[in-house]
Amino acid sequence: MRYIIFILCFISLQSTANTCDSLSFVKSLLGSWELNRGGQVITESWYRVSDQTIEGKGVVYESGIIKSSESLRIMEMSNSVFYLAKVSHNKLPIAFILSQCSDNLLIFENIEHDFPKRIVYSMTSKNSLVVNVSDGSSKSFKLHYKRVIDTQ
């Protein structure tokens, strides 16, 4: 009897575990986010392209002039979710796999990349987002965004 109860509990836990294989967990990113830091304004905007893809753009402004930008994409592919970042200093986009997810947390990783190896999106409230970009150990920076446009 104990064995049957154990099996039922295990199956129940398996069925409720987050598999991170769809965009259902990333929908909270949709919209535009902004961070004002001294003379810089950093923005990140996300919009739905299809049921399997959302696209984004990150831009750094100084005194109203674009200093850098990156093209972003999150997509379902081969039963996984990938974050693709295209920055000017890399010839090709860098891919990160969604390794952990919940309604308030997204962890994308690529341990083969030099920096970053890990990008963590934490929704601290409906209108607050913290993005932690790191090498997985000592090198990191955080961006504390406020929502400016909600398109969910």
Foldseek 3Di string as FASTA:
>chain_A
DVVVVVVVVVVVCVVPFDQQQFCPQVLLQAAKKWFDDPQKIWIKHWDDPDRFKIKIKIFIDGPNHTPFMWIWMWGHDPSWIWIWIGGPVDPGTDIWTFPDGDNFKTWTADLVDDWFGIWMWGPPDSFWIKIWTHVPPDDIDITIIGGPTRDD
